[in-house]
Amino acid sequence: MTTRSVATVFGGSGFIGRYVVKRLAAAGHVVRVAVRDPEAALFLKPMGGVGQIVPLHAPLGDPASVARAVAGAGLVVNLVGILAERRAGDFRRVHAEGAGLVARAAAEAGTSRLVHVSAIGADPAAASLYARSKGEGEALVRAAFPRAAILRPSIVFGPEDGFFNRFAALAQISPIMPVICGAARFQPVYAGDVADAVMAALTRPEAAGQTYELGGPRVWAFRELLAYILAQTHRGARMIDVPLWVARLQARVLEHVPGKPLTRDQLLMLARDNVAAADMPGLAALGVVPTPVEMVVPGYVRRYRPGGGPREVYAA
């Protein structure tokens, strides 16, 4: 009897994780979904056969659980990330220390391939704590597992995203669309394309030890993205430029609100372009053709139109 290979995905129940788990299962792997809350990952099980997708309790703060999750796994993917801290130091604990722990455990377990998903802008010297912790995490991954493939996506879009859905929901209830750093540039990349890039990085020999920056086929100014959302949702909200100093004052208050709708660290990130570097390999180097925003986003933001509308999901 042939034994199927094992792949462990940390953060597999998250936005990008569900796309990666689906592809790994389709490729025939037994998929361990390493998460803090296995019950919340049960929705993934129908993506594979009976017993093929196994949610496991393996928070990144528990070395023993992480070691058990990667034991015997030939492939490991780390997708764990947060956009705001619940308590001081969370960025470093999750993005740096957690990433290093996964890489060390994978190396000690004899894992053949590790893919670590970081973010464009990752830099240990960055002003933003988010970007700084991402950069520190990359360094720790490289030190523990030099042949790891590191992927840095721009903002990721898809039916479950927190970007297009967030602003479409705001347009649904507000006559004003605030614009902060409207000239900042983004290169939105489809979640399915990021998952395809993960799969390619796991299988292509030339991907080992490489870093890739992943962006979609078009660079958008933040203002352009907001205008596109308003057009697709048929909403007439007025776009109002918010001076950065005003936004900072708002963030001081809002970062203490449950859900942290806006933080000062997010403003630091928003003030910088989030575009794949021209001198870095990207989706094309991994054999992935980028999917345009226009092909996916209208199908899932149409429900924010006056009177609602059917939700059409682009095949992942």
Protein backbone atom coordinates (compact mmCIF):
# COMPACT_ATOMS: atom_id res chain seq x y z
CA MET A 1 0.00 0.00 0.00
CA THR A 2 1.33 3.44 -0.93
CA THR A 3 1.65 5.91 1.93
CA ARG A 4 0.56 9.42 1.04
CA SER A 5 2.92 12.28 1.80
CA VAL A 6 2.09 14.63 4.65
CA ALA A 7 1.93 18.41 4.39
CA THR A 8 1.51 20.69 7.41
CA VAL A 9 -0.04 24.13 6.97
CA PHE A 10 0.23 26.59 9.85
CA GLY A 11 -2.63 29.06 9.68
CA GLY A 12 -4.48 26.79 7.26
CA SER A 13 -7.94 27.94 8.39
CA GLY A 14 -7.24 31.56 7.46
CA PHE A 15 -8.01 33.52 4.31
CA ILE A 16 -5.14 32.23 2.16
CA GLY A 17 -4.92 28.96 4.06
CA ARG A 18 -8.18 27.53 2.73
CA TYR A 19 -6.88 27.93 -0.84
CA VAL A 20 -3.58 26.24 -0.02
CA VAL A 21 -5.25 23.35 1.85
CA LYS A 22 -7.60 22.73 -1.07
CA ARG A 23 -4.70 22.50 -3.51
CA LEU A 24 -2.59 20.26 -1.29
CA ALA A 25 -5.54 17.89 -0.82
CA ALA A 26 -6.20 17.84 -4.58
CA ALA A 27 -2.54 16.91 -5.09
CA GLY A 28 -3.07 13.86 -2.87
CA HIS A 29 -1.33 14.94 0.32
CA VAL A 30 -2.59 14.27 3.82
CA VAL A 31 -2.93 17.80 5.15
CA ARG A 32 -2.39 18.71 8.77
CA VAL A 33 -3.97 22.09 9.49
CA ALA A 34 -2.02 23.51 12.42
CA VAL A 35 -4.12 26.17 14.15
CA ARG A 36 -5.01 27.57 17.57
CA ASP A 37 -8.64 26.44 17.26
CA PRO A 38 -9.13 23.09 15.46
CA GLU A 39 -12.92 23.40 15.71
CA ALA A 40 -12.78 26.53 13.56
CA ALA A 41 -10.90 24.56 10.89
CA LEU A 42 -13.47 21.78 10.50
CA PHE A 43 -15.00 23.53 7.48
CA LEU A 44 -11.89 22.49 5.53
CA LYS A 45 -12.47 18.74 5.86
CA PRO A 46 -14.86 18.42 2.87
CA MET A 47 -12.05 19.70 0.65
CA GLY A 48 -10.43 16.26 0.88
CA GLY A 49 -11.31 12.63 1.31
CA VAL A 50 -12.17 10.93 4.59
CA GLY A 51 -9.34 11.54 7.05
CA GLN A 52 -7.25 13.45 4.52
CA ILE A 53 -7.50 16.88 6.16
CA VAL A 54 -6.66 16.85 9.87
CA PRO A 55 -7.00 20.00 12.02
CA LEU A 56 -4.46 20.07 14.87
CA HIS A 57 -4.04 22.30 17.90
CA ALA A 58 -0.60 23.84 17.37
CA PRO A 59 -0.32 27.49 18.46
CA LEU A 60 3.01 29.08 17.58
CA GLY A 61 3.72 29.77 21.23
CA ASP A 62 3.88 26.04 22.03
CA PRO A 63 7.13 24.43 20.77
CA ALA A 64 6.01 20.89 21.62
CA SER A 65 2.78 21.22 19.63
CA VAL A 66 4.62 22.75 16.67
CA ALA A 67 7.12 19.87 16.72
CA ARG A 68 4.31 17.30 16.73
CA ALA A 69 2.58 19.07 13.86
CA VAL A 70 5.63 18.84 11.59
CA ALA A 71 6.83 15.37 12.63
CA GLY A 72 6.89 13.20 9.52
CA ALA A 73 5.74 16.02 7.23
CA GLY A 74 7.62 16.33 3.97
CA LEU A 75 6.14 19.75 3.22
CA VAL A 76 5.50 22.65 5.60
CA VAL A 77 3.82 25.97 4.88
CA ASN A 78 3.63 28.87 7.34
CA LEU A 79 0.81 31.33 6.63
CA VAL A 80 0.29 32.71 10.12
CA GLY A 81 0.01 36.47 10.32
CA ILE A 82 -1.87 39.25 12.10
CA LEU A 83 -2.67 42.81 11.02
CA ALA A 84 -2.99 44.33 14.48
CA GLU A 85 -1.72 43.52 17.95
CA ARG A 86 -4.07 42.57 20.75
CA ARG A 87 -1.28 43.22 23.21
CA ALA A 88 2.13 44.78 22.86
CA GLY A 89 4.67 42.44 21.29
CA ASP A 90 2.20 40.28 19.37
CA PHE A 91 3.76 41.16 16.01
CA ARG A 92 7.16 39.92 17.10
CA ARG A 93 5.76 36.86 18.86
CA VAL A 94 3.78 35.77 15.80
CA HIS A 95 5.75 37.01 12.78
CA ALA A 96 9.28 36.62 14.12
CA GLU A 97 9.48 34.18 17.01
CA GLY A 98 6.66 32.00 15.66
CA ALA A 99 8.15 31.90 12.18
CA GLY A 100 11.54 30.98 13.58
CA LEU A 101 10.02 28.22 15.70
CA VAL A 102 8.26 26.66 12.70
CA ALA A 103 11.45 26.79 10.62
CA ARG A 104 13.57 25.21 13.37
CA ALA A 105 11.00 22.49 13.97
CA ALA A 106 10.77 21.75 10.25
CA ALA A 107 14.56 21.51 9.99
CA GLU A 108 14.80 19.22 13.01
CA ALA A 109 12.02 17.01 11.61
CA GLY A 110 13.85 16.59 8.31
CA THR A 111 11.18 18.37 6.28
CA SER A 112 12.20 18.55 2.63
CA ARG A 113 10.45 21.82 1.66
CA LEU A 114 9.35 24.86 3.65
CA VAL A 115 7.40 27.82 2.27
CA HIS A 116 7.12 30.90 4.46
CA VAL A 117 4.59 33.57 3.48
CA SER A 118 5.73 37.05 4.51
CA ALA A 119 4.69 40.41 3.01
CA ILE A 120 5.99 43.08 0.64
CA GLY A 121 7.79 45.67 2.73
CA ALA A 122 9.24 43.17 5.21
CA ASP A 123 12.32 44.84 6.64
CA PRO A 124 13.97 44.48 10.07
CA ALA A 125 14.71 48.23 9.94
CA ALA A 126 11.17 49.34 9.01
CA ALA A 127 9.35 51.98 11.04
CA SER A 128 6.19 49.86 11.07
CA LEU A 129 6.20 47.16 13.74
CA TYR A 130 4.30 44.89 11.33
CA ALA A 131 6.87 45.22 8.54
CA ARG A 132 9.77 45.05 11.01
CA SER A 133 8.51 41.83 12.57
CA LYS A 134 7.97 40.33 9.12
CA GLY A 135 11.56 41.15 8.22
CA GLU A 136 12.84 39.67 11.48
CA GLY A 137 10.80 36.55 10.80
CA GLU A 138 12.35 36.13 7.36
CA ALA A 139 15.83 36.35 8.88
CA LEU A 140 15.02 33.72 11.51
CA VAL A 141 13.53 31.42 8.86
CA ARG A 142 16.62 31.76 6.67
CA ALA A 143 18.92 31.06 9.62
CA ALA A 144 17.06 27.87 10.60
CA PHE A 145 16.07 26.60 7.14
CA PRO A 146 18.25 28.21 4.43
CA ARG A 147 16.44 26.44 1.58
CA ALA A 148 13.04 27.81 2.56
CA ALA A 149 11.13 29.66 -0.15
CA ILE A 150 9.81 33.02 1.03
CA LEU A 151 6.79 34.60 -0.63
CA ARG A 152 5.91 38.28 -0.15
CA PRO A 153 2.44 39.12 -1.47
CA SER A 154 0.95 42.59 -1.87
CA ILE A 155 -2.60 43.01 -0.52
CA VAL A 156 -4.48 39.80 -1.22
CA PHE A 157 -8.02 39.78 -2.58
CA GLY A 158 -10.74 37.16 -2.80
CA PRO A 159 -14.30 36.56 -1.55
CA GLU A 160 -13.16 36.31 2.07
CA ASP A 161 -10.75 39.26 2.04
CA GLY A 162 -10.63 42.06 4.57
CA PHE A 163 -9.87 44.80 2.07
CA PHE A 164 -12.49 45.04 -0.69
CA ASN A 165 -15.19 43.69 1.63
CA ARG A 166 -14.29 46.19 4.32
CA PHE A 167 -14.53 49.27 2.13
CA ALA A 168 -17.57 47.97 0.25
CA ALA A 169 -19.34 47.52 3.59
CA LEU A 170 -18.34 51.06 4.58
CA ALA A 171 -19.75 52.43 1.31
CA GLN A 172 -23.00 50.62 2.10
CA ILE A 173 -23.60 52.58 5.30
CA SER A 174 -21.71 55.87 4.92
CA PRO A 175 -22.19 58.85 2.57
CA ILE A 176 -18.45 59.55 2.91
CA MET A 177 -15.47 57.43 1.86
CA PRO A 178 -12.39 58.67 3.73
CA VAL A 179 -9.18 58.60 1.69
CA ILE A 180 -5.90 58.35 3.59
CA CYS A 181 -2.66 58.41 1.56
CA GLY A 182 -4.67 58.20 -1.65
CA ALA A 183 -1.56 58.21 -3.85
CA ALA A 184 -0.05 55.13 -2.17
CA ARG A 185 0.32 52.33 -4.70
CA PHE A 186 -0.84 48.74 -4.34
CA GLN A 187 -0.60 45.65 -6.54
CA PRO A 188 -3.51 43.45 -5.41
CA VAL A 189 -2.91 39.74 -5.90
CA TYR A 190 -5.60 37.04 -5.99
CA ALA A 191 -5.62 34.54 -3.12
CA GLY A 192 -5.83 31.65 -5.57
CA ASP A 193 -2.70 32.90 -7.32
CA VAL A 194 -0.85 33.11 -3.98
CA ALA A 195 -1.90 29.51 -3.28
CA ASP A 196 -0.66 28.45 -6.73
CA ALA A 197 2.62 30.20 -5.95
CA VAL A 198 2.88 28.24 -2.69
CA MET A 199 2.36 24.98 -4.57
CA ALA A 200 4.98 25.92 -7.15
CA ALA A 201 7.45 26.91 -4.43
CA LEU A 202 6.92 23.53 -2.76
CA THR A 203 7.66 21.57 -5.92
CA ARG A 204 10.06 23.57 -8.11
CA PRO A 205 13.71 22.81 -7.31
CA GLU A 206 14.81 26.33 -8.30
CA ALA A 207 12.47 27.89 -5.71
CA ALA A 208 14.44 26.55 -2.76
CA GLY A 209 16.20 29.37 -0.94
CA GLN A 210 14.58 32.06 -3.08
CA THR A 211 12.43 35.08 -2.16
CA TYR A 212 9.53 36.09 -4.41
CA GLU A 213 7.39 39.24 -4.40
CA LEU A 214 3.84 38.57 -5.57
CA GLY A 215 1.66 41.20 -7.20
CA GLY A 216 -1.25 41.22 -9.60
CA PRO A 217 -1.19 42.43 -13.21
CA ARG A 218 -1.97 46.07 -12.37
CA VAL A 219 -0.66 48.68 -9.96
CA TRP A 220 -3.44 50.81 -8.45
CA ALA A 221 -3.35 54.00 -6.40
CA PHE A 222 -5.33 53.61 -3.18
CA ARG A 223 -7.74 56.28 -4.39
CA GLU A 224 -8.32 54.30 -7.60
CA LEU A 225 -9.18 51.18 -5.62
CA LEU A 226 -11.70 53.05 -3.51
CA ALA A 227 -13.29 54.59 -6.61
CA TYR A 228 -13.50 51.13 -8.17
CA ILE A 229 -15.26 49.76 -5.08
CA LEU A 230 -17.80 52.59 -5.18
CA ALA A 231 -18.46 51.95 -8.86
CA GLN A 232 -18.91 48.21 -8.39
CA THR A 233 -21.24 48.63 -5.41
CA HIS A 234 -23.27 51.38 -7.14
CA ARG A 235 -22.71 53.63 -4.16
CA GLY A 236 -22.41 57.39 -4.33
CA ALA A 237 -20.29 58.02 -1.27
CA ARG A 238 -18.19 61.16 -1.56
CA MET A 239 -14.46 60.56 -1.41
CA ILE A 240 -12.89 62.90 1.16
CA ASP A 241 -9.13 63.25 1.60
CA VAL A 242 -8.12 62.90 5.24
CA PRO A 243 -4.83 64.63 6.19
CA LEU A 244 -2.35 62.21 7.70
CA TRP A 245 -2.18 64.17 10.97
CA VAL A 246 -5.96 63.84 11.36
CA ALA A 247 -5.76 60.13 10.58
CA ARG A 248 -3.11 59.71 13.28
CA LEU A 249 -5.39 61.32 15.85
CA GLN A 250 -8.24 59.04 14.78
CA ALA A 251 -5.97 55.99 14.95
CA ARG A 252 -5.02 56.81 18.55
CA VAL A 253 -8.68 56.31 19.44
CA LEU A 254 -9.65 53.56 17.01
CA GLU A 255 -6.76 51.26 17.86
CA HIS A 256 -8.37 50.82 21.28
CA VAL A 257 -11.75 49.88 19.76
CA PRO A 258 -12.57 46.14 19.51
CA GLY A 259 -11.53 44.91 16.09
CA LYS A 260 -8.99 47.78 15.77
CA PRO A 261 -10.44 49.35 12.58
CA LEU A 262 -7.40 51.63 12.29
CA THR A 263 -4.04 51.71 14.07
CA ARG A 264 -1.02 54.00 13.92
CA ASP A 265 1.08 51.10 12.68
CA GLN A 266 -1.33 50.53 9.80
CA LEU A 267 -0.95 54.20 8.87
CA LEU A 268 2.81 53.71 8.64
CA MET A 269 2.24 50.84 6.23
CA LEU A 270 -0.38 52.74 4.25
CA ALA A 271 2.01 55.62 3.70
CA ARG A 272 4.38 53.35 1.74
CA ASP A 273 3.87 51.77 -1.66
CA ASN A 274 3.01 48.06 -1.58
CA VAL A 275 4.27 47.01 -5.00
CA ALA A 276 6.45 44.08 -6.09
CA ALA A 277 10.02 45.16 -6.78
CA ALA A 278 10.98 45.05 -10.44
CA ASP A 279 14.28 43.31 -9.65
CA MET A 280 12.64 40.51 -7.63
CA PRO A 281 11.21 37.29 -9.11
CA GLY A 282 7.44 37.04 -8.83
CA LEU A 283 4.45 35.04 -10.02
CA ALA A 284 5.82 34.65 -13.54
CA ALA A 285 8.97 32.98 -12.21
CA LEU A 286 6.74 30.43 -10.49
CA GLY A 287 4.67 29.81 -13.62
CA VAL A 288 1.57 31.62 -12.32
CA VAL A 289 -0.44 33.97 -14.53
CA PRO A 290 -1.81 36.79 -12.32
CA THR A 291 -5.58 37.23 -12.10
CA PRO A 292 -6.97 40.75 -12.55
CA VAL A 293 -9.04 42.42 -9.83
CA GLU A 294 -11.73 43.03 -12.46
CA MET A 295 -12.21 39.28 -12.96
CA VAL A 296 -12.94 38.44 -9.32
CA VAL A 297 -13.96 41.40 -7.17
CA PRO A 298 -17.25 42.38 -8.88
CA GLY A 299 -18.69 38.94 -8.18
CA TYR A 300 -18.41 39.20 -4.42
CA VAL A 301 -18.92 42.91 -3.77
CA ARG A 302 -22.19 43.06 -5.70
CA ARG A 303 -24.00 42.05 -2.52
CA TYR A 304 -23.21 45.53 -1.14
CA ARG A 305 -25.25 47.22 -3.88
CA PRO A 306 -28.58 48.89 -3.05
CA GLY A 307 -31.05 46.03 -2.78
CA GLY A 308 -28.22 43.51 -2.69
CA GLY A 309 -27.32 41.10 -5.45
CA PRO A 310 -26.29 37.48 -6.01
CA ARG A 311 -22.80 36.63 -4.82
CA GLU A 312 -20.70 35.14 -7.60
CA VAL A 313 -17.43 33.54 -6.55
CA TYR A 314 -14.59 33.14 -9.03
CA ALA A 315 -13.45 29.52 -9.22
CA ALA A 316 -10.43 29.17 -6.92
